[in-house]
């Protein structure tokens, strides 16, 4: 989702990293589908930089 939002905004990983004051390698790691260390504050920073917002939902298992 981060990758798609970044690409839709026309930004490189380096450009997004500069907007949220981090490094390109952090953006690369966050975009990796196997990465499980996402934090809400970081996702919020990315969303704001991309003129978006984070939405979290809970779903009951069937």
C-alpha atoms as a PDB file:
ATOM      1  CA  UNK A   1       0.000   0.000   0.000  1.00  0.00           C
ATOM      2  CA  UNK A   2       2.859   2.369   0.782  1.00  0.00           C
ATOM      3  CA  UNK A   3       4.483   1.599  -2.559  1.00  0.00           C
ATOM      4  CA  UNK A   4       1.255   2.230  -4.477  1.00  0.00           C
ATOM      5  CA  UNK A   5       0.538   5.482  -2.641  1.00  0.00           C
ATOM      6  CA  UNK A   6       4.094   6.708  -3.196  1.00  0.00           C
ATOM      7  CA  UNK A   7       4.013   5.850  -6.889  1.00  0.00           C
ATOM      8  CA  UNK A   8       0.582   7.507  -7.274  1.00  0.00           C
ATOM      9  CA  UNK A   9       2.102  10.650  -5.742  1.00  0.00           C
ATOM     10  CA  UNK A  10       4.924  10.499  -8.288  1.00  0.00           C
ATOM     11  CA  UNK A  11       7.638  10.268  -5.637  1.00  0.00           C
ATOM     12  CA  UNK A  12      10.779   8.202  -5.473  1.00  0.00           C
ATOM     13  CA  UNK A  13      11.712   6.424  -2.258  1.00  0.00           C
ATOM     14  CA  UNK A  14      14.393   9.055  -1.694  1.00  0.00           C
ATOM     15  CA  UNK A  15      11.914  11.921  -2.156  1.00  0.00           C
ATOM     16  CA  UNK A  16       9.399  10.398   0.264  1.00  0.00           C
ATOM     17  CA  UNK A  17      12.177   9.744   2.758  1.00  0.00           C
ATOM     18  CA  UNK A  18      13.207  13.405   2.620  1.00  0.00           C
ATOM     19  CA  UNK A  19       9.613  14.516   3.230  1.00  0.00           C
ATOM     20  CA  UNK A  20       9.359  12.487   6.433  1.00  0.00           C
ATOM     21  CA  UNK A  21      12.963  12.976   7.519  1.00  0.00           C
ATOM     22  CA  UNK A  22      14.174   9.408   7.227  1.00  0.00           C
ATOM     23  CA  UNK A  23      16.335   7.457   4.793  1.00  0.00           C
ATOM     24  CA  UNK A  24      15.570   5.747   1.513  1.00  0.00           C
ATOM     25  CA  UNK A  25      16.480   2.405   3.074  1.00  0.00           C
ATOM     26  CA  UNK A  26      13.733   2.836   5.686  1.00  0.00           C
ATOM     27  CA  UNK A  27      11.168   3.468   2.936  1.00  0.00           C
ATOM     28  CA  UNK A  28      12.436   0.416   1.060  1.00  0.00           C
ATOM     29  CA  UNK A  29      12.049  -1.737   4.174  1.00  0.00           C
ATOM     30  CA  UNK A  30       8.541  -0.397   4.858  1.00  0.00           C
ATOM     31  CA  UNK A  31       7.488  -1.188   1.286  1.00  0.00           C
ATOM     32  CA  UNK A  32       8.708  -4.785   1.568  1.00  0.00           C
ATOM     33  CA  UNK A  33       5.653  -7.059   1.815  1.00  0.00           C
ATOM     34  CA  UNK A  34       7.479  -9.347   4.278  1.00  0.00           C
ATOM     35  CA  UNK A  35       8.275  -6.520   6.715  1.00  0.00           C
ATOM     36  CA  UNK A  36       6.184  -6.662   9.895  1.00  0.00           C
ATOM     37  CA  UNK A  37       7.642  -3.786  11.930  1.00  0.00           C
ATOM     38  CA  UNK A  38       5.341  -0.993  10.825  1.00  0.00           C
ATOM     39  CA  UNK A  39       4.537   1.523  13.533  1.00  0.00           C
ATOM     40  CA  UNK A  40       1.466   3.701  13.620  1.00  0.00           C
ATOM     41  CA  UNK A  41       3.478   6.924  14.039  1.00  0.00           C
ATOM     42  CA  UNK A  42       5.590   6.104  10.967  1.00  0.00           C
ATOM     43  CA  UNK A  43       2.531   5.182   8.900  1.00  0.00           C
ATOM     44  CA  UNK A  44       0.917   8.455   9.978  1.00  0.00           C
ATOM     45  CA  UNK A  45       3.997  10.441   8.879  1.00  0.00           C
ATOM     46  CA  UNK A  46       3.939   8.724   5.491  1.00  0.00           C
ATOM     47  CA  UNK A  47       0.205   9.265   5.077  1.00  0.00           C
ATOM     48  CA  UNK A  48       0.504  12.970   5.868  1.00  0.00           C
ATOM     49  CA  UNK A  49       3.379  13.367   3.403  1.00  0.00           C
ATOM     50  CA  UNK A  50       1.181  11.738   0.747  1.00  0.00           C
ATOM     51  CA  UNK A  51      -1.878  13.855   1.621  1.00  0.00           C
ATOM     52  CA  UNK A  52      -3.623  10.757   2.938  1.00  0.00           C
ATOM     53  CA  UNK A  53      -4.654   9.296   6.272  1.00  0.00           C
ATOM     54  CA  UNK A  54      -4.297   5.949   7.990  1.00  0.00           C
ATOM     55  CA  UNK A  55      -7.446   3.906   8.516  1.00  0.00           C
ATOM     56  CA  UNK A  56      -7.377   0.874  10.798  1.00  0.00           C
ATOM     57  CA  UNK A  57     -10.169  -1.667  11.000  1.00  0.00           C
ATOM     58  CA  UNK A  58     -10.753  -4.735  13.134  1.00  0.00           C
ATOM     59  CA  UNK A  59     -12.574  -7.694  11.642  1.00  0.00           C
ATOM     60  CA  UNK A  60     -13.978 -10.665  13.531  1.00  0.00           C
ATOM     61  CA  UNK A  61     -12.856 -14.065  12.390  1.00  0.00           C
ATOM     62  CA  UNK A  62     -15.593 -16.197  10.956  1.00  0.00           C
END
